Amino acid sequence: MTLPIGEDILETNRRYLLRTQATHSPDTLLFPLPYSENPINIVVPRGSVRFAKQGAGSQYVHGGATLQEVCVPIIKYHHKRAKGDDSPARKVGVQINVRARRVTNNRFRLSLIQTDPVKGRWRARPITVALYDAETGEALTDVKRVELNSTAESPSDREFAQTLTVLVTNPPSRADLIVKDADDDSELLKESWTVSIGIINDFGDF
């Protein structure tokens, strides 16, 4: 389109022009710059049209008042700091620490790690851990109850070693090791384990 003319025009370009007067046209869009000391308006062609101007680059087709040309996204971020006990209380988490998810003896050991020390917003959590039949949900081992109430800063000092004993004669080859919250019986962790016990004995893993 034809480049507008006028004594109030401060700067011209194929894609926009700056002028002090708020001169409206059906072929252009006008946006005032509210933060400038003097009144300045930016004028852009509608759609993908460009202002006709002599010089190199006449074959360049991009320009005009497309969405990405006239809209600037604004993201508002607010960081809320936790203030110790003033923030909502949460129970500590738990992780399973074991070399292999496999049972080869009627007695086997594993370690439970309390993820956070009990302090501030973190509260103690009673849990249970056992091996369950993946199909019937029946406990295959004794169910151990553990109190995750350590205040130690080091994760190694928040480790709880447990020994589980398989109580059934012919356990299935696949089973689920499940850690539950003892207060509401909700599942916290569930892992698929392989069970491969040759002969059930009374001597444990000694």
C-alpha atoms as a PDB file:
ATOM      1  CA  MET A   1       0.000   0.000   0.000  1.00  0.00           C
ATOM      2  CA  THR A   2       1.038   3.624  -0.424  1.00  0.00           C
ATOM      3  CA  LEU A   3       3.208   4.997   2.338  1.00  0.00           C
ATOM      4  CA  PRO A   4       1.310   7.712   4.245  1.00  0.00           C
ATOM      5  CA  ILE A   5       2.751  11.226   4.176  1.00  0.00           C
ATOM      6  CA  GLY A   6       2.619  14.074   6.631  1.00  0.00           C
ATOM      7  CA  GLU A   7       4.797  16.524   8.570  1.00  0.00           C
ATOM      8  CA  ASP A   8       4.102  14.640  11.809  1.00  0.00           C
ATOM      9  CA  ILE A   9       5.762  11.416  10.592  1.00  0.00           C
ATOM     10  CA  LEU A  10       8.962  10.744  12.551  1.00  0.00           C
ATOM     11  CA  GLU A  11      10.176   7.465  11.045  1.00  0.00           C
ATOM     12  CA  THR A  12       9.108   5.206   8.181  1.00  0.00           C
ATOM     13  CA  ASN A  13       9.676   1.566   7.342  1.00  0.00           C
ATOM     14  CA  ARG A  14       8.074  -1.010   5.058  1.00  0.00           C
ATOM     15  CA  ARG A  15       6.404  -2.588   8.075  1.00  0.00           C
ATOM     16  CA  TYR A  16       5.551   0.441  10.240  1.00  0.00           C
ATOM     17  CA  LEU A  17       5.830   4.194  10.697  1.00  0.00           C
ATOM     18  CA  LEU A  18       5.915   6.506  13.709  1.00  0.00           C
ATOM     19  CA  ARG A  19       3.897   9.708  13.813  1.00  0.00           C
ATOM     20  CA  THR A  20       2.731  12.205  16.404  1.00  0.00           C
ATOM     21  CA  GLN A  21      -0.801  12.683  15.082  1.00  0.00           C
ATOM     22  CA  ALA A  22      -3.458  10.001  15.646  1.00  0.00           C
ATOM     23  CA  THR A  23      -4.473   9.842  12.006  1.00  0.00           C
ATOM     24  CA  HIS A  24      -6.770   6.873  11.323  1.00  0.00           C
ATOM     25  CA  SER A  25      -7.110   5.013   8.029  1.00  0.00           C
ATOM     26  CA  PRO A  26      -9.168   1.928   7.054  1.00  0.00           C
ATOM     27  CA  ASP A  27      -6.009   0.300   5.629  1.00  0.00           C
ATOM     28  CA  THR A  28      -3.868   0.686   8.757  1.00  0.00           C
ATOM     29  CA  LEU A  29      -3.894   0.024  12.474  1.00  0.00           C
ATOM     30  CA  LEU A  30      -2.793   2.719  14.917  1.00  0.00           C
ATOM     31  CA  PHE A  31      -1.385   2.058  18.377  1.00  0.00           C
ATOM     32  CA  PRO A  32      -0.415   4.853  20.800  1.00  0.00           C
ATOM     33  CA  LEU A  33       2.798   4.437  22.810  1.00  0.00           C
ATOM     34  CA  PRO A  34       1.644   5.330  26.340  1.00  0.00           C
ATOM     35  CA  TYR A  35       5.078   5.428  27.979  1.00  0.00           C
ATOM     36  CA  SER A  36       6.728   7.975  25.669  1.00  0.00           C
ATOM     37  CA  GLU A  37       7.286  11.528  26.916  1.00  0.00           C
ATOM     38  CA  ASN A  38       5.782  13.025  23.758  1.00  0.00           C
ATOM     39  CA  PRO A  39       2.685  11.608  22.014  1.00  0.00           C
ATOM     40  CA  ILE A  40       3.847   9.001  19.517  1.00  0.00           C
ATOM     41  CA  ASN A  41       1.717   6.565  17.545  1.00  0.00           C
ATOM     42  CA  ILE A  42       2.861   3.502  15.654  1.00  0.00           C
ATOM     43  CA  VAL A  43       1.034   2.736  12.413  1.00  0.00           C
ATOM     44  CA  VAL A  44       1.152  -0.679  10.709  1.00  0.00           C
ATOM     45  CA  PRO A  45      -0.582  -2.003   7.576  1.00  0.00           C
ATOM     46  CA  ARG A  46      -3.498  -4.367   8.051  1.00  0.00           C
ATOM     47  CA  GLY A  47      -2.893  -8.079   7.352  1.00  0.00           C
ATOM     48  CA  SER A  48       0.276  -8.960   5.422  1.00  0.00           C
ATOM     49  CA  VAL A  49       0.381  -5.751   3.355  1.00  0.00           C
ATOM     50  CA  ARG A  50       3.529  -3.620   3.415  1.00  0.00           C
ATOM     51  CA  PHE A  51       4.156   0.018   2.798  1.00  0.00           C
ATOM     52  CA  ALA A  52       5.532   0.634  -0.686  1.00  0.00           C
ATOM     53  CA  LYS A  53       9.047   2.051  -0.445  1.00  0.00           C
ATOM     54  CA  GLN A  54      11.906   2.267  -2.899  1.00  0.00           C
ATOM     55  CA  GLY A  55      15.108   0.316  -2.293  1.00  0.00           C
ATOM     56  CA  ALA A  56      16.366  -3.232  -1.871  1.00  0.00           C
ATOM     57  CA  GLY A  57      14.232  -5.916  -0.284  1.00  0.00           C
ATOM     58  CA  SER A  58      11.072  -5.338  -2.304  1.00  0.00           C
ATOM     59  CA  GLN A  59      10.677  -9.127  -2.737  1.00  0.00           C
ATOM     60  CA  TYR A  60      10.531  -9.696   1.019  1.00  0.00           C
ATOM     61  CA  VAL A  61       6.921 -10.675   1.676  1.00  0.00           C
ATOM     62  CA  HIS A  62       6.689 -10.837   5.490  1.00  0.00           C
ATOM     63  CA  GLY A  63       5.268  -7.881   7.386  1.00  0.00           C
ATOM     64  CA  GLY A  64       2.067  -6.181   8.386  1.00  0.00           C
ATOM     65  CA  ALA A  65      -0.098  -6.438  11.466  1.00  0.00           C
ATOM     66  CA  THR A  66      -0.039 -10.189  12.004  1.00  0.00           C
ATOM     67  CA  LEU A  67      -0.696 -11.470  15.525  1.00  0.00           C
ATOM     68  CA  GLN A  68       2.962 -11.997  16.386  1.00  0.00           C
ATOM     69  CA  GLU A  69       3.758  -8.481  15.163  1.00  0.00           C
ATOM     70  CA  VAL A  70       1.327  -6.589  17.374  1.00  0.00           C
ATOM     71  CA  CYS A  71       0.837  -8.807  20.468  1.00  0.00           C
ATOM     72  CA  VAL A  72       3.369  -9.244  23.251  1.00  0.00           C
ATOM     73  CA  PRO A  73       2.577 -12.023  25.749  1.00  0.00           C
ATOM     74  CA  ILE A  74       2.928 -11.103  29.419  1.00  0.00           C
ATOM     75  CA  ILE A  75       3.562 -13.749  32.074  1.00  0.00           C
ATOM     76  CA  LYS A  76       2.965 -12.845  35.696  1.00  0.00           C
ATOM     77  CA  TYR A  77       4.949 -14.951  38.172  1.00  0.00           C
ATOM     78  CA  HIS A  78       4.605 -14.884  41.916  1.00  0.00           C
ATOM     79  CA  HIS A  79       6.806 -17.002  44.144  1.00  0.00           C
ATOM     80  CA  LYS A  80       5.301 -17.877  47.497  1.00  0.00           C
ATOM     81  CA  ARG A  81       7.907 -18.744  50.061  1.00  0.00           C
ATOM     82  CA  ALA A  82       7.250 -21.456  52.596  1.00  0.00           C
ATOM     83  CA  LYS A  83       7.352 -20.131  56.146  1.00  0.00           C
ATOM     84  CA  GLY A  84       8.091 -23.150  58.261  1.00  0.00           C
ATOM     85  CA  ASP A  85       5.084 -24.336  60.210  1.00  0.00           C
ATOM     86  CA  ASP A  86       2.859 -21.647  58.665  1.00  0.00           C
ATOM     87  CA  SER A  87       2.729 -23.637  55.404  1.00  0.00           C
ATOM     88  CA  PRO A  88       0.476 -26.727  55.077  1.00  0.00           C
ATOM     89  CA  ALA A  89       1.847 -29.756  56.913  1.00  0.00           C
ATOM     90  CA  ARG A  90       2.902 -32.725  54.811  1.00  0.00           C
ATOM     91  CA  LYS A  91       3.947 -36.245  55.693  1.00  0.00           C
ATOM     92  CA  VAL A  92       7.460 -37.360  54.814  1.00  0.00           C
ATOM     93  CA  GLY A  93       7.959 -39.553  51.766  1.00  0.00           C
ATOM     94  CA  VAL A  94       9.545 -42.977  51.413  1.00  0.00           C
ATOM     95  CA  GLN A  95      11.762 -44.769  48.905  1.00  0.00           C
ATOM     96  CA  ILE A  96      12.836 -48.405  48.574  1.00  0.00           C
ATOM     97  CA  ASN A  97      16.558 -49.117  48.553  1.00  0.00           C
ATOM     98  CA  VAL A  98      17.516 -52.604  47.367  1.00  0.00           C
ATOM     99  CA  ARG A  99      19.994 -54.000  44.832  1.00  0.00           C
ATOM    100  CA  ALA A 100      17.560 -56.201  42.901  1.00  0.00           C
ATOM    101  CA  ARG A 101      13.790 -56.561  42.865  1.00  0.00           C
ATOM    102  CA  ARG A 102      14.039 -60.319  43.293  1.00  0.00           C
ATOM    103  CA  VAL A 103      13.226 -62.788  46.080  1.00  0.00           C
ATOM    104  CA  THR A 104      15.378 -65.934  46.145  1.00  0.00           C
ATOM    105  CA  ASN A 105      14.880 -66.956  49.772  1.00  0.00           C
ATOM    106  CA  ASN A 106      11.929 -67.209  52.100  1.00  0.00           C
ATOM    107  CA  ARG A 107      13.518 -64.407  54.144  1.00  0.00           C
ATOM    108  CA  PHE A 108      14.824 -61.315  52.359  1.00  0.00           C
ATOM    109  CA  ARG A 109      15.987 -57.855  53.336  1.00  0.00           C
ATOM    110  CA  LEU A 110      15.312 -54.381  52.027  1.00  0.00           C
ATOM    111  CA  SER A 111      15.797 -50.814  53.210  1.00  0.00           C
ATOM    112  CA  LEU A 112      13.253 -48.011  53.388  1.00  0.00           C
ATOM    113  CA  ILE A 113      14.579 -44.471  53.154  1.00  0.00           C
ATOM    114  CA  GLN A 114      12.670 -41.551  54.648  1.00  0.00           C
ATOM    115  CA  THR A 115      12.968 -38.814  52.019  1.00  0.00           C
ATOM    116  CA  ASP A 116      12.884 -35.801  54.377  1.00  0.00           C
ATOM    117  CA  PRO A 117      13.716 -35.198  58.037  1.00  0.00           C
ATOM    118  CA  VAL A 118      10.806 -34.561  60.378  1.00  0.00           C
ATOM    119  CA  LYS A 119      10.878 -30.806  60.994  1.00  0.00           C
ATOM    120  CA  GLY A 120       8.954 -27.691  60.027  1.00  0.00           C
ATOM    121  CA  ARG A 121       6.081 -28.640  57.746  1.00  0.00           C
ATOM    122  CA  TRP A 122       7.259 -32.253  57.417  1.00  0.00           C
ATOM    123  CA  ARG A 123       5.427 -34.651  59.725  1.00  0.00           C
ATOM    124  CA  ALA A 124       6.145 -38.268  60.674  1.00  0.00           C
ATOM    125  CA  ARG A 125       4.403 -41.029  58.697  1.00  0.00           C
ATOM    126  CA  PRO A 126       3.591 -44.582  59.852  1.00  0.00           C
ATOM    127  CA  ILE A 127       3.828 -47.072  56.983  1.00  0.00           C
ATOM    128  CA  THR A 128       3.453 -50.785  56.292  1.00  0.00           C
ATOM    129  CA  VAL A 129       5.450 -52.844  53.818  1.00  0.00           C
ATOM    130  CA  ALA A 130       4.814 -56.361  52.508  1.00  0.00           C
ATOM    131  CA  LEU A 131       4.897 -58.537  49.392  1.00  0.00           C
ATOM    132  CA  TYR A 132       1.464 -59.163  47.852  1.00  0.00           C
ATOM    133  CA  ASP A 133       0.047 -61.532  45.237  1.00  0.00           C
ATOM    134  CA  ALA A 134      -0.346 -59.395  42.104  1.00  0.00           C
ATOM    135  CA  GLU A 135      -3.634 -61.106  41.141  1.00  0.00           C
ATOM    136  CA  THR A 136      -5.444 -61.715  44.429  1.00  0.00           C
ATOM    137  CA  GLY A 137      -3.914 -58.942  46.549  1.00  0.00           C
ATOM    138  CA  GLU A 138      -3.201 -61.463  49.333  1.00  0.00           C
ATOM    139  CA  ALA A 139      -0.155 -60.792  51.491  1.00  0.00           C
ATOM    140  CA  LEU A 140       2.598 -63.313  50.778  1.00  0.00           C
ATOM    141  CA  THR A 141       4.829 -62.125  53.627  1.00  0.00           C
ATOM    142  CA  ASP A 142       4.403 -60.727  57.084  1.00  0.00           C
ATOM    143  CA  VAL A 143       3.318 -57.070  57.086  1.00  0.00           C
ATOM    144  CA  LYS A 144       5.907 -54.849  58.769  1.00  0.00           C
ATOM    145  CA  ARG A 145       4.953 -51.504  60.308  1.00  0.00           C
ATOM    146  CA  VAL A 146       7.587 -48.776  60.320  1.00  0.00           C
ATOM    147  CA  GLU A 147       7.467 -45.313  61.888  1.00  0.00           C
ATOM    148  CA  LEU A 148       9.142 -42.779  59.611  1.00  0.00           C
ATOM    149  CA  ASN A 149       9.938 -40.244  62.317  1.00  0.00           C
ATOM    150  CA  SER A 150      13.650 -39.531  61.930  1.00  0.00           C
ATOM    151  CA  THR A 151      14.891 -35.952  62.355  1.00  0.00           C
ATOM    152  CA  ALA A 152      18.368 -36.736  60.954  1.00  0.00           C
ATOM    153  CA  GLU A 153      19.646 -34.468  58.173  1.00  0.00           C
ATOM    154  CA  SER A 154      21.651 -37.160  56.380  1.00  0.00           C
ATOM    155  CA  PRO A 155      19.614 -39.592  54.210  1.00  0.00           C
ATOM    156  CA  SER A 156      21.854 -42.460  55.336  1.00  0.00           C
ATOM    157  CA  ASP A 157      20.679 -41.838  58.889  1.00  0.00           C
ATOM    158  CA  ARG A 158      17.037 -42.046  57.788  1.00  0.00           C
ATOM    159  CA  GLU A 159      17.302 -45.615  56.501  1.00  0.00           C
ATOM    160  CA  PHE A 160      15.143 -48.357  58.010  1.00  0.00           C
ATOM    161  CA  ALA A 161      16.305 -51.933  57.320  1.00  0.00           C
ATOM    162  CA  GLN A 162      13.556 -54.553  57.229  1.00  0.00           C
ATOM    163  CA  THR A 163      13.440 -58.342  56.871  1.00  0.00           C
ATOM    164  CA  LEU A 164      10.325 -59.913  55.362  1.00  0.00           C
ATOM    165  CA  THR A 165       9.422 -63.583  55.582  1.00  0.00           C
ATOM    166  CA  VAL A 166       7.472 -65.421  52.881  1.00  0.00           C
ATOM    167  CA  LEU A 167       4.574 -67.202  54.610  1.00  0.00           C
ATOM    168  CA  VAL A 168       3.055 -69.201  51.730  1.00  0.00           C
ATOM    169  CA  THR A 169       4.351 -72.558  50.473  1.00  0.00           C
ATOM    170  CA  ASN A 170       4.125 -71.939  46.732  1.00  0.00           C
ATOM    171  CA  PRO A 171       4.338 -68.205  46.036  1.00  0.00           C
ATOM    172  CA  PRO A 172       3.721 -66.931  42.483  1.00  0.00           C
ATOM    173  CA  SER A 173       6.671 -66.002  40.280  1.00  0.00           C
ATOM    174  CA  ARG A 174       5.546 -62.350  40.144  1.00  0.00           C
ATOM    175  CA  ALA A 175       4.454 -60.300  43.127  1.00  0.00           C
ATOM    176  CA  ASP A 176       4.033 -56.665  44.163  1.00  0.00           C
ATOM    177  CA  LEU A 177       6.016 -55.059  46.938  1.00  0.00           C
ATOM    178  CA  ILE A 178       3.688 -52.397  48.305  1.00  0.00           C
ATOM    179  CA  VAL A 179       4.324 -49.631  50.823  1.00  0.00           C
ATOM    180  CA  LYS A 180       1.151 -48.176  52.351  1.00  0.00           C
ATOM    181  CA  ASP A 181       0.326 -45.289  54.640  1.00  0.00           C
ATOM    182  CA  ALA A 182      -0.719 -46.969  57.869  1.00  0.00           C
ATOM    183  CA  ASP A 183      -3.178 -44.183  58.707  1.00  0.00           C
ATOM    184  CA  ASP A 184      -5.455 -44.504  55.676  1.00  0.00           C
ATOM    185  CA  ASP A 185      -4.107 -47.665  53.959  1.00  0.00           C
ATOM    186  CA  SER A 186      -3.350 -45.705  50.757  1.00  0.00           C
ATOM    187  CA  GLU A 187      -0.574 -46.996  48.475  1.00  0.00           C
ATOM    188  CA  LEU A 188       2.601 -44.929  48.487  1.00  0.00           C
ATOM    189  CA  LEU A 189       4.837 -47.241  46.436  1.00  0.00           C
ATOM    190  CA  LYS A 190       4.164 -50.330  44.335  1.00  0.00           C
ATOM    191  CA  GLU A 191       6.909 -52.322  42.611  1.00  0.00           C
ATOM    192  CA  SER A 192       6.782 -55.545  40.611  1.00  0.00           C
ATOM    193  CA  TRP A 193       9.174 -58.178  42.006  1.00  0.00           C
ATOM    194  CA  THR A 194      10.305 -61.564  40.748  1.00  0.00           C
ATOM    195  CA  VAL A 195       9.919 -64.496  43.149  1.00  0.00           C
ATOM    196  CA  SER A 196      12.168 -67.493  42.591  1.00  0.00           C
ATOM    197  CA  ILE A 197      12.387 -69.650  45.702  1.00  0.00           C
ATOM    198  CA  GLY A 198      13.632 -73.234  45.230  1.00  0.00           C
ATOM    199  CA  ILE A 199      12.740 -74.802  48.582  1.00  0.00           C
ATOM    200  CA  ILE A 200      11.055 -73.060  51.485  1.00  0.00           C
ATOM    201  CA  ASN A 201      13.207 -73.615  54.585  1.00  0.00           C
ATOM    202  CA  ASP A 202      13.239 -72.582  58.198  1.00  0.00           C
ATOM    203  CA  PHE A 203      16.821 -71.339  58.239  1.00  0.00           C
ATOM    204  CA  GLY A 204      16.247 -67.983  56.520  1.00  0.00           C
ATOM    205  CA  ASP A 205      19.170 -66.657  54.480  1.00  0.00           C
ATOM    206  CA  PHE A 206      21.981 -67.882  56.749  1.00  0.00           C
END
